[in-house]
Amino acid sequence: SQTAMGILGSKPEAPRWRGAGNEFDKYMNPDHKGRAQRKTVTQYIIQNTKGDTDLAMLMNSIQHACKVTSNQIEKAGPAGLYGLAGSENSTGDDVKKLDIIADEIWVDCLKRSGVCCLLVSEEQEEPIIVQGGGPFCVAFDPLDGSSNIDCNVSVGSIFSVYRRTSSTSE
């Protein structure tokens, strides 16, 4: 039987993932002229906060909270952190051990940022008033999808940032 090379007279071309005109170049080859270059999240934050250092600080703190939370999730099995913590959150969901850890991480990172005045977590009944009166209010679910984590299904964090519109004394 003849191979494709024998019929066509040349070796079949492999799929192209890199090269001029390939739509994947912007992701695979950051040095390709005229194409988008990959950026780190930190680079993106610096370039897109338009000199708002408070916003840059907040976004970097959120990035840090995500990284620390991810690290804890990776260690959850050997550390025995799967399973229920034995309580319910503000929406009535059963709280997992990792929910509590993720909430502590997020609250700590956001408080330490120095730019938050109010934190609203799905895991807590009441908002957290942050001393120092920073310009931002942050609402978040530090570990969305945690009910799936024992099954090794994707989880994530959800957050929303609001600029404070009133004084801290109100």
N, C-alpha and C. Protein backbone atom coordinates (compact mmCIF):
# COMPACT_ATOMS: atom_id res chain seq x y z
N SER A 1 0.85 -1.18 0.00
CA SER A 1 0.00 0.00 0.00
C SER A 1 0.88 1.23 0.00
N GLN A 2 0.40 2.23 -0.71
CA GLN A 2 1.18 3.46 -0.81
C GLN A 2 0.81 4.40 0.34
N THR A 3 1.81 5.08 0.85
CA THR A 3 1.58 6.07 1.90
C THR A 3 1.21 7.39 1.28
N ALA A 4 0.78 8.32 2.12
CA ALA A 4 0.45 9.66 1.64
C ALA A 4 1.66 10.30 0.99
N MET A 5 2.84 10.01 1.51
CA MET A 5 4.05 10.60 0.94
C MET A 5 4.28 10.08 -0.48
N GLY A 6 4.03 8.79 -0.69
CA GLY A 6 4.22 8.21 -2.01
C GLY A 6 3.21 8.73 -3.02
N ILE A 7 1.97 8.94 -2.61
CA ILE A 7 0.92 9.42 -3.51
C ILE A 7 1.14 10.88 -3.87
N LEU A 8 1.43 11.68 -2.86
CA LEU A 8 1.56 13.13 -3.07
C LEU A 8 2.96 13.54 -3.48
N GLY A 9 3.90 12.69 -3.27
CA GLY A 9 5.27 13.02 -3.64
C GLY A 9 6.01 13.83 -2.60
N SER A 10 5.36 14.14 -1.49
CA SER A 10 6.04 14.87 -0.42
C SER A 10 5.40 14.49 0.91
N LYS A 11 6.09 14.83 1.95
CA LYS A 11 5.61 14.51 3.29
C LYS A 11 4.42 15.42 3.64
N PRO A 12 3.35 14.86 4.22
CA PRO A 12 2.22 15.72 4.60
C PRO A 12 2.66 16.75 5.63
N GLU A 13 2.12 17.95 5.50
CA GLU A 13 2.48 19.04 6.41
C GLU A 13 1.76 18.87 7.74
N ALA A 14 2.51 19.03 8.82
CA ALA A 14 1.94 18.95 10.16
C ALA A 14 1.10 20.20 10.42
N PRO A 15 0.13 20.12 11.33
CA PRO A 15 -0.65 21.32 11.66
C PRO A 15 0.28 22.44 12.12
N ARG A 16 -0.01 23.65 11.68
CA ARG A 16 0.83 24.80 12.03
C ARG A 16 0.24 25.52 13.23
N TRP A 17 1.03 25.61 14.27
CA TRP A 17 0.62 26.37 15.43
C TRP A 17 1.37 27.69 15.52
N ARG A 18 2.46 27.80 14.79
CA ARG A 18 3.24 29.03 14.79
C ARG A 18 3.55 29.39 13.35
N GLY A 19 3.79 30.65 13.12
CA GLY A 19 4.17 31.07 11.78
C GLY A 19 3.37 32.28 11.33
N ALA A 20 3.83 32.91 10.28
CA ALA A 20 3.20 34.12 9.78
C ALA A 20 1.74 33.86 9.43
N GLY A 21 0.87 34.70 9.92
CA GLY A 21 -0.53 34.63 9.58
C GLY A 21 -1.35 33.64 10.39
N ASN A 22 -0.72 32.91 11.27
CA ASN A 22 -1.46 31.94 12.06
C ASN A 22 -2.15 32.65 13.21
N GLU A 23 -3.44 32.40 13.41
CA GLU A 23 -4.19 33.10 14.44
C GLU A 23 -3.71 32.80 15.86
N PHE A 24 -2.98 31.70 16.05
CA PHE A 24 -2.51 31.35 17.38
C PHE A 24 -1.19 32.04 17.74
N ASP A 25 -0.57 32.73 16.77
CA ASP A 25 0.71 33.39 17.03
C ASP A 25 0.64 34.33 18.22
N LYS A 26 -0.45 35.07 18.33
CA LYS A 26 -0.52 36.07 19.39
C LYS A 26 -0.47 35.44 20.78
N TYR A 27 -0.82 34.15 20.87
CA TYR A 27 -0.75 33.46 22.15
C TYR A 27 0.54 32.66 22.31
N MET A 28 1.02 32.11 21.23
CA MET A 28 2.15 31.19 21.29
C MET A 28 3.50 31.85 21.07
N ASN A 29 3.54 32.98 20.40
CA ASN A 29 4.80 33.61 20.04
C ASN A 29 4.75 35.10 20.39
N PRO A 30 5.05 35.46 21.63
CA PRO A 30 4.89 36.84 22.05
C PRO A 30 5.83 37.82 21.35
N ASP A 31 6.88 37.34 20.69
CA ASP A 31 7.82 38.23 20.02
C ASP A 31 7.46 38.48 18.56
N HIS A 32 6.41 37.86 18.07
CA HIS A 32 6.02 38.01 16.67
C HIS A 32 5.58 39.46 16.42
N LYS A 33 6.14 40.10 15.43
CA LYS A 33 5.85 41.50 15.12
C LYS A 33 4.37 41.69 14.78
N GLY A 34 3.80 42.74 15.32
CA GLY A 34 2.42 43.08 14.99
C GLY A 34 1.37 42.27 15.71
N ARG A 35 1.78 41.44 16.62
CA ARG A 35 0.82 40.61 17.35
C ARG A 35 0.81 41.01 18.82
N ALA A 36 -0.27 40.66 19.49
CA ALA A 36 -0.37 40.94 20.92
C ALA A 36 0.70 40.16 21.67
N GLN A 37 1.23 40.77 22.70
CA GLN A 37 2.23 40.08 23.51
C GLN A 37 1.62 39.66 24.84
N ARG A 38 2.08 38.53 25.35
CA ARG A 38 1.59 38.05 26.63
C ARG A 38 2.03 39.01 27.73
N LYS A 39 1.16 39.18 28.71
CA LYS A 39 1.47 40.00 29.87
C LYS A 39 1.15 39.21 31.12
N THR A 40 1.85 39.53 32.17
CA THR A 40 1.48 38.96 33.46
C THR A 40 0.28 39.74 33.96
N VAL A 41 -0.41 39.20 34.95
CA VAL A 41 -1.54 39.92 35.54
C VAL A 41 -1.04 41.23 36.14
N THR A 42 0.11 41.20 36.78
CA THR A 42 0.66 42.42 37.38
C THR A 42 0.94 43.47 36.32
N GLN A 43 1.52 43.08 35.19
CA GLN A 43 1.76 44.04 34.10
C GLN A 43 0.44 44.63 33.61
N TYR A 44 -0.56 43.79 33.45
CA TYR A 44 -1.86 44.26 32.99
C TYR A 44 -2.46 45.27 33.98
N ILE A 45 -2.37 44.96 35.26
CA ILE A 45 -2.91 45.86 36.29
C ILE A 45 -2.20 47.21 36.23
N ILE A 46 -0.88 47.20 36.19
CA ILE A 46 -0.11 48.44 36.15
C ILE A 46 -0.47 49.27 34.93
N GLN A 47 -0.59 48.63 33.78
CA GLN A 47 -0.87 49.36 32.54
C GLN A 47 -2.31 49.83 32.43
N ASN A 48 -3.24 49.22 33.16
CA ASN A 48 -4.64 49.54 32.96
C ASN A 48 -5.33 50.22 34.13
N THR A 49 -4.61 50.55 35.18
CA THR A 49 -5.23 51.27 36.29
C THR A 49 -5.04 52.77 36.16
N LYS A 50 -4.43 53.20 35.08
CA LYS A 50 -4.29 54.61 34.71
C LYS A 50 -3.79 55.49 35.86
N GLY A 51 -2.77 55.02 36.54
CA GLY A 51 -2.16 55.81 37.60
C GLY A 51 -2.90 55.78 38.92
N ASP A 52 -3.99 55.05 39.00
CA ASP A 52 -4.74 54.93 40.25
C ASP A 52 -4.04 53.89 41.12
N THR A 53 -3.14 54.36 41.98
CA THR A 53 -2.34 53.44 42.78
C THR A 53 -3.18 52.64 43.77
N ASP A 54 -4.27 53.25 44.27
CA ASP A 54 -5.15 52.51 45.18
C ASP A 54 -5.80 51.32 44.47
N LEU A 55 -6.28 51.55 43.25
CA LEU A 55 -6.89 50.46 42.48
C LEU A 55 -5.85 49.39 42.14
N ALA A 56 -4.65 49.82 41.78
CA ALA A 56 -3.58 48.86 41.48
C ALA A 56 -3.26 48.03 42.72
N MET A 57 -3.20 48.67 43.87
CA MET A 57 -2.94 47.96 45.13
C MET A 57 -4.04 46.95 45.42
N LEU A 58 -5.29 47.36 45.22
CA LEU A 58 -6.42 46.46 45.46
C LEU A 58 -6.36 45.25 44.53
N MET A 59 -6.16 45.50 43.25
CA MET A 59 -6.14 44.39 42.29
C MET A 59 -4.97 43.44 42.54
N ASN A 60 -3.84 43.98 42.95
CA ASN A 60 -2.70 43.11 43.29
C ASN A 60 -2.99 42.30 44.56
N SER A 61 -3.73 42.89 45.50
CA SER A 61 -4.11 42.15 46.70
C SER A 61 -5.08 41.03 46.37
N ILE A 62 -6.01 41.28 45.45
CA ILE A 62 -6.93 40.23 45.00
C ILE A 62 -6.16 39.13 44.29
N GLN A 63 -5.21 39.54 43.45
CA GLN A 63 -4.38 38.55 42.75
C GLN A 63 -3.64 37.67 43.77
N HIS A 64 -3.10 38.30 44.81
CA HIS A 64 -2.38 37.56 45.84
C HIS A 64 -3.32 36.60 46.58
N ALA A 65 -4.52 37.06 46.90
CA ALA A 65 -5.50 36.20 47.58
C ALA A 65 -5.83 34.98 46.72
N CYS A 66 -5.95 35.19 45.42
CA CYS A 66 -6.23 34.06 44.51
C CYS A 66 -5.08 33.06 44.51
N LYS A 67 -3.85 33.56 44.48
CA LYS A 67 -2.69 32.66 44.46
C LYS A 67 -2.57 31.86 45.76
N VAL A 68 -2.78 32.53 46.89
CA VAL A 68 -2.67 31.84 48.18
C VAL A 68 -3.80 30.81 48.32
N THR A 69 -5.01 31.20 47.89
CA THR A 69 -6.14 30.27 47.93
C THR A 69 -5.86 29.05 47.06
N SER A 70 -5.35 29.27 45.86
CA SER A 70 -5.02 28.17 44.96
C SER A 70 -3.99 27.24 45.59
N ASN A 71 -3.00 27.82 46.24
CA ASN A 71 -1.98 27.02 46.91
C ASN A 71 -2.59 26.14 48.00
N GLN A 72 -3.54 26.68 48.75
CA GLN A 72 -4.18 25.90 49.81
C GLN A 72 -5.05 24.78 49.23
N ILE A 73 -5.70 25.05 48.10
CA ILE A 73 -6.52 24.02 47.45
C ILE A 73 -5.64 22.87 46.99
N GLU A 74 -4.46 23.19 46.44
CA GLU A 74 -3.53 22.15 45.99
C GLU A 74 -3.11 21.23 47.13
N LYS A 75 -3.01 21.77 48.33
CA LYS A 75 -2.56 21.01 49.49
C LYS A 75 -3.70 20.37 50.27
N ALA A 76 -4.94 20.58 49.83
CA ALA A 76 -6.12 20.18 50.61
C ALA A 76 -6.18 18.69 50.91
N GLY A 77 -5.89 17.86 49.93
CA GLY A 77 -5.98 16.41 50.14
C GLY A 77 -5.06 15.92 51.23
N PRO A 78 -3.74 16.13 51.08
CA PRO A 78 -2.81 15.65 52.11
C PRO A 78 -3.03 16.30 53.48
N ALA A 79 -3.56 17.53 53.48
CA ALA A 79 -3.76 18.24 54.74
C ALA A 79 -5.11 17.91 55.39
N GLY A 80 -5.92 17.11 54.72
CA GLY A 80 -7.22 16.73 55.28
C GLY A 80 -8.22 17.87 55.31
N LEU A 81 -8.19 18.73 54.30
CA LEU A 81 -9.05 19.91 54.29
C LEU A 81 -10.31 19.76 53.46
N TYR A 82 -10.57 18.56 52.96
CA TYR A 82 -11.83 18.33 52.25
C TYR A 82 -12.94 18.10 53.27
N GLY A 83 -14.17 18.31 52.85
CA GLY A 83 -15.31 18.01 53.71
C GLY A 83 -15.93 19.23 54.33
N LEU A 84 -17.00 18.99 55.07
CA LEU A 84 -17.78 20.06 55.68
C LEU A 84 -17.14 20.57 56.96
N ALA A 85 -17.37 21.87 57.20
CA ALA A 85 -16.89 22.48 58.44
C ALA A 85 -17.94 22.38 59.54
N GLY A 86 -19.21 22.10 59.14
CA GLY A 86 -20.25 21.93 60.15
C GLY A 86 -21.11 23.15 60.38
N SER A 87 -21.12 24.10 59.45
CA SER A 87 -21.96 25.29 59.59
C SER A 87 -22.53 25.68 58.23
N GLU A 88 -23.35 26.74 58.21
CA GLU A 88 -23.91 27.26 56.97
C GLU A 88 -23.44 28.68 56.77
N ASN A 89 -23.32 29.10 55.48
CA ASN A 89 -22.93 30.48 55.20
C ASN A 89 -24.16 31.38 55.12
N SER A 90 -23.97 32.63 54.73
CA SER A 90 -25.05 33.62 54.71
C SER A 90 -26.16 33.28 53.73
N THR A 91 -25.89 32.43 52.75
CA THR A 91 -26.91 32.05 51.77
C THR A 91 -27.52 30.68 52.07
N GLY A 92 -27.12 30.06 53.18
CA GLY A 92 -27.69 28.78 53.58
C GLY A 92 -26.95 27.57 53.06
N ASP A 93 -25.84 27.77 52.35
CA ASP A 93 -25.05 26.64 51.84
C ASP A 93 -24.22 26.04 52.97
N ASP A 94 -24.01 24.73 52.90
CA ASP A 94 -23.11 24.08 53.85
C ASP A 94 -21.70 24.59 53.61
N VAL A 95 -21.03 24.98 54.68
CA VAL A 95 -19.68 25.53 54.57
C VAL A 95 -18.67 24.40 54.59
N LYS A 96 -17.76 24.44 53.63
CA LYS A 96 -16.66 23.47 53.56
C LYS A 96 -15.46 24.03 54.33
N LYS A 97 -14.57 23.15 54.73
CA LYS A 97 -13.36 23.58 55.42
C LYS A 97 -12.57 24.57 54.56
N LEU A 98 -12.50 24.30 53.26
CA LEU A 98 -11.76 25.20 52.37
C LEU A 98 -12.45 26.55 52.20
N ASP A 99 -13.79 26.60 52.36
CA ASP A 99 -14.50 27.89 52.33
C ASP A 99 -13.98 28.80 53.44
N ILE A 100 -13.83 28.24 54.62
CA ILE A 100 -13.37 29.02 55.77
C ILE A 100 -11.94 29.51 55.54
N ILE A 101 -11.09 28.63 55.07
CA ILE A 101 -9.69 29.01 54.81
C ILE A 101 -9.62 30.09 53.74
N ALA A 102 -10.36 29.91 52.63
CA ALA A 102 -10.35 30.90 51.55
C ALA A 102 -10.87 32.24 52.04
N ASP A 103 -11.92 32.22 52.86
CA ASP A 103 -12.47 33.47 53.39
C ASP A 103 -11.44 34.19 54.26
N GLU A 104 -10.77 33.45 55.11
CA GLU A 104 -9.73 34.06 55.96
C GLU A 104 -8.62 34.67 55.12
N ILE A 105 -8.22 33.98 54.07
CA ILE A 105 -7.17 34.49 53.18
C ILE A 105 -7.61 35.78 52.52
N TRP A 106 -8.81 35.77 51.94
CA TRP A 106 -9.30 36.96 51.23
C TRP A 106 -9.47 38.14 52.18
N VAL A 107 -10.07 37.91 53.34
CA VAL A 107 -10.27 39.01 54.29
C VAL A 107 -8.92 39.57 54.71
N ASP A 108 -7.97 38.72 55.03
CA ASP A 108 -6.64 39.17 55.45
C ASP A 108 -5.96 39.98 54.34
N CYS A 109 -5.95 39.46 53.11
CA CYS A 109 -5.30 40.16 52.00
C CYS A 109 -5.95 41.51 51.73
N LEU A 110 -7.28 41.55 51.75
CA LEU A 110 -7.97 42.81 51.46
C LEU A 110 -7.79 43.83 52.59
N LYS A 111 -7.81 43.38 53.83
CA LYS A 111 -7.55 44.30 54.94
C LYS A 111 -6.14 44.87 54.86
N ARG A 112 -5.17 44.01 54.58
CA ARG A 112 -3.77 44.44 54.52
C ARG A 112 -3.47 45.35 53.33
N SER A 113 -4.35 45.35 52.33
CA SER A 113 -4.12 46.22 51.17
C SER A 113 -4.14 47.69 51.56
N GLY A 114 -4.87 48.02 52.61
CA GLY A 114 -4.96 49.41 53.06
C GLY A 114 -5.87 50.28 52.22
N VAL A 115 -6.60 49.69 51.28
CA VAL A 115 -7.43 50.51 50.39
C VAL A 115 -8.91 50.12 50.45
N CYS A 116 -9.29 49.29 51.41
CA CYS A 116 -10.69 48.88 51.52
C CYS A 116 -11.34 49.50 52.76
N CYS A 117 -12.61 49.85 52.63
CA CYS A 117 -13.35 50.34 53.79
C CYS A 117 -14.43 49.35 54.22
N LEU A 118 -14.86 48.48 53.29
CA LEU A 118 -15.92 47.54 53.59
C LEU A 118 -15.72 46.26 52.78
N LEU A 119 -15.88 45.12 53.45
CA LEU A 119 -15.77 43.82 52.79
C LEU A 119 -17.08 43.06 53.02
N VAL A 120 -17.61 42.48 51.95
CA VAL A 120 -18.83 41.68 52.04
C VAL A 120 -18.52 40.31 51.46
N SER A 121 -18.50 39.31 52.34
CA SER A 121 -18.17 37.94 51.93
C SER A 121 -19.41 37.05 51.99
N GLU A 122 -19.55 36.17 51.02
CA GLU A 122 -20.65 35.21 51.05
C GLU A 122 -20.56 34.32 52.28
N GLU A 123 -19.39 34.15 52.81
CA GLU A 123 -19.19 33.24 53.93
C GLU A 123 -19.53 33.86 55.28
N GLN A 124 -19.81 35.16 55.32
CA GLN A 124 -20.06 35.82 56.60
C GLN A 124 -21.43 36.50 56.59
N GLU A 125 -22.09 36.47 57.75
CA GLU A 125 -23.43 37.04 57.88
C GLU A 125 -23.43 38.56 57.74
N GLU A 126 -22.44 39.21 58.31
CA GLU A 126 -22.39 40.68 58.35
C GLU A 126 -21.21 41.21 57.55
N PRO A 127 -21.36 42.42 57.00
CA PRO A 127 -20.22 43.06 56.33
C PRO A 127 -19.10 43.34 57.33
N ILE A 128 -17.90 43.41 56.83
CA ILE A 128 -16.73 43.70 57.66
C ILE A 128 -16.32 45.14 57.40
N ILE A 129 -16.38 45.96 58.43
CA ILE A 129 -15.94 47.35 58.30
C ILE A 129 -14.44 47.38 58.58
N VAL A 130 -13.69 47.92 57.64
CA VAL A 130 -12.23 47.94 57.74
C VAL A 130 -11.80 49.30 58.27
N GLN A 131 -11.02 49.29 59.34
CA GLN A 131 -10.51 50.53 59.90
C GLN A 131 -9.52 51.17 58.93
N GLY A 132 -9.52 52.46 58.85
CA GLY A 132 -8.60 53.16 57.96
C GLY A 132 -9.32 53.84 56.81
N GLY A 133 -10.52 53.40 56.52
CA GLY A 133 -11.35 54.10 55.54
C GLY A 133 -10.81 54.20 54.14
N GLY A 134 -10.36 53.12 53.56
CA GLY A 134 -9.89 53.14 52.17
C GLY A 134 -11.02 53.47 51.21
N PRO A 135 -10.71 53.67 49.94
CA PRO A 135 -11.72 54.12 48.97
C PRO A 135 -12.57 53.02 48.34
N PHE A 136 -12.38 51.74 48.71
CA PHE A 136 -13.10 50.67 48.01
C PHE A 136 -13.91 49.78 48.94
N CYS A 137 -15.04 49.32 48.40
CA CYS A 137 -15.86 48.28 49.00
C CYS A 137 -15.73 47.07 48.09
N VAL A 138 -15.52 45.90 48.67
CA VAL A 138 -15.34 44.70 47.86
C VAL A 138 -16.32 43.63 48.35
N ALA A 139 -17.10 43.10 47.41
CA ALA A 139 -17.98 41.96 47.68
C ALA A 139 -17.35 40.75 47.00
N PHE A 140 -17.37 39.60 47.67
CA PHE A 140 -16.68 38.45 47.09
C PHE A 140 -17.22 37.12 47.61
N ASP A 141 -17.05 36.11 46.78
CA ASP A 141 -17.21 34.71 47.16
C ASP A 141 -15.82 34.12 46.96
N PRO A 142 -15.09 33.89 48.04
CA PRO A 142 -13.69 33.49 47.91
C PRO A 142 -13.47 32.13 47.26
N LEU A 143 -14.47 31.25 47.35
CA LEU A 143 -14.30 29.92 46.76
C LEU A 143 -15.64 29.47 46.18
N ASP A 144 -15.98 29.99 45.02
CA ASP A 144 -17.22 29.64 44.36
C ASP A 144 -17.11 28.22 43.79
N GLY A 145 -18.15 27.43 43.98
CA GLY A 145 -18.13 26.05 43.49
C GLY A 145 -17.51 25.09 44.47
N SER A 146 -17.35 25.50 45.71
CA SER A 146 -16.67 24.64 46.68
C SER A 146 -17.41 23.33 46.93
N SER A 147 -18.71 23.30 46.64
CA SER A 147 -19.45 22.04 46.82
C SER A 147 -18.96 20.97 45.85
N ASN A 148 -18.26 21.39 44.79
CA ASN A 148 -17.74 20.44 43.80
C ASN A 148 -16.29 20.03 44.06
N ILE A 149 -15.65 20.64 45.03
CA ILE A 149 -14.21 20.47 45.17
C ILE A 149 -13.82 19.04 45.54
N ASP A 150 -14.67 18.34 46.29
CA ASP A 150 -14.36 16.95 46.64
C ASP A 150 -14.36 16.05 45.42
N CYS A 151 -14.99 16.50 44.34
CA CYS A 151 -15.07 15.71 43.09
C CYS A 151 -14.01 16.14 42.09
N ASN A 152 -13.12 17.06 42.49
CA ASN A 152 -12.06 17.56 41.63
C ASN A 152 -12.61 18.31 40.41
N VAL A 153 -13.66 19.10 40.64
CA VAL A 153 -14.25 19.94 39.59
C VAL A 153 -13.75 21.36 39.80
N SER A 154 -13.71 22.14 38.75
CA SER A 154 -13.18 23.50 38.80
C SER A 154 -13.90 24.36 39.84
N VAL A 155 -13.13 25.20 40.48
CA VAL A 155 -13.65 26.21 41.40
C VAL A 155 -13.04 27.55 41.01
N GLY A 156 -13.56 28.61 41.57
CA GLY A 156 -13.02 29.93 41.27
C GLY A 156 -13.40 30.91 42.36
N SER A 157 -12.99 32.15 42.18
CA SER A 157 -13.33 33.22 43.09
C SER A 157 -14.08 34.28 42.31
N ILE A 158 -15.10 34.86 42.94
CA ILE A 158 -15.89 35.92 42.30
C ILE A 158 -15.76 37.16 43.17
N PHE A 159 -15.54 38.30 42.55
CA PHE A 159 -15.47 39.53 43.33
C PHE A 159 -16.04 40.70 42.54
N SER A 160 -16.43 41.72 43.28
CA SER A 160 -16.95 42.94 42.69
C SER A 160 -16.38 44.10 43.50
N VAL A 161 -15.91 45.13 42.80
CA VAL A 161 -15.27 46.27 43.45
C VAL A 161 -16.13 47.51 43.23
N TYR A 162 -16.37 48.24 44.32
CA TYR A 162 -17.13 49.49 44.26
C TYR A 162 -16.31 50.59 44.91
N ARG A 163 -16.33 51.77 44.31
CA ARG A 163 -15.66 52.91 44.92
C ARG A 163 -16.59 53.52 45.97
N ARG A 164 -16.06 53.80 47.14
CA ARG A 164 -16.85 54.40 48.21
C ARG A 164 -17.38 55.75 47.75
N THR A 165 -18.65 56.02 48.02
CA THR A 165 -19.25 57.29 47.59
C THR A 165 -19.58 58.21 48.76
N SER A 166 -19.46 57.71 49.99
CA SER A 166 -19.74 58.55 51.15
C SER A 166 -18.56 58.51 52.10
N SER A 167 -18.59 59.38 53.10
CA SER A 167 -17.49 59.40 54.06
C SER A 167 -17.57 58.16 54.94
N THR A 168 -16.50 57.85 55.61
CA THR A 168 -16.46 56.65 56.45
C THR A 168 -17.29 56.81 57.71
N SER A 169 -17.67 58.03 58.07
CA SER A 169 -18.46 58.24 59.28
C SER A 169 -19.94 57.96 59.06
N GLU A 170 -20.36 57.81 57.81
CA GLU A 170 -21.78 57.58 57.52
C GLU A 170 -22.13 56.12 57.59
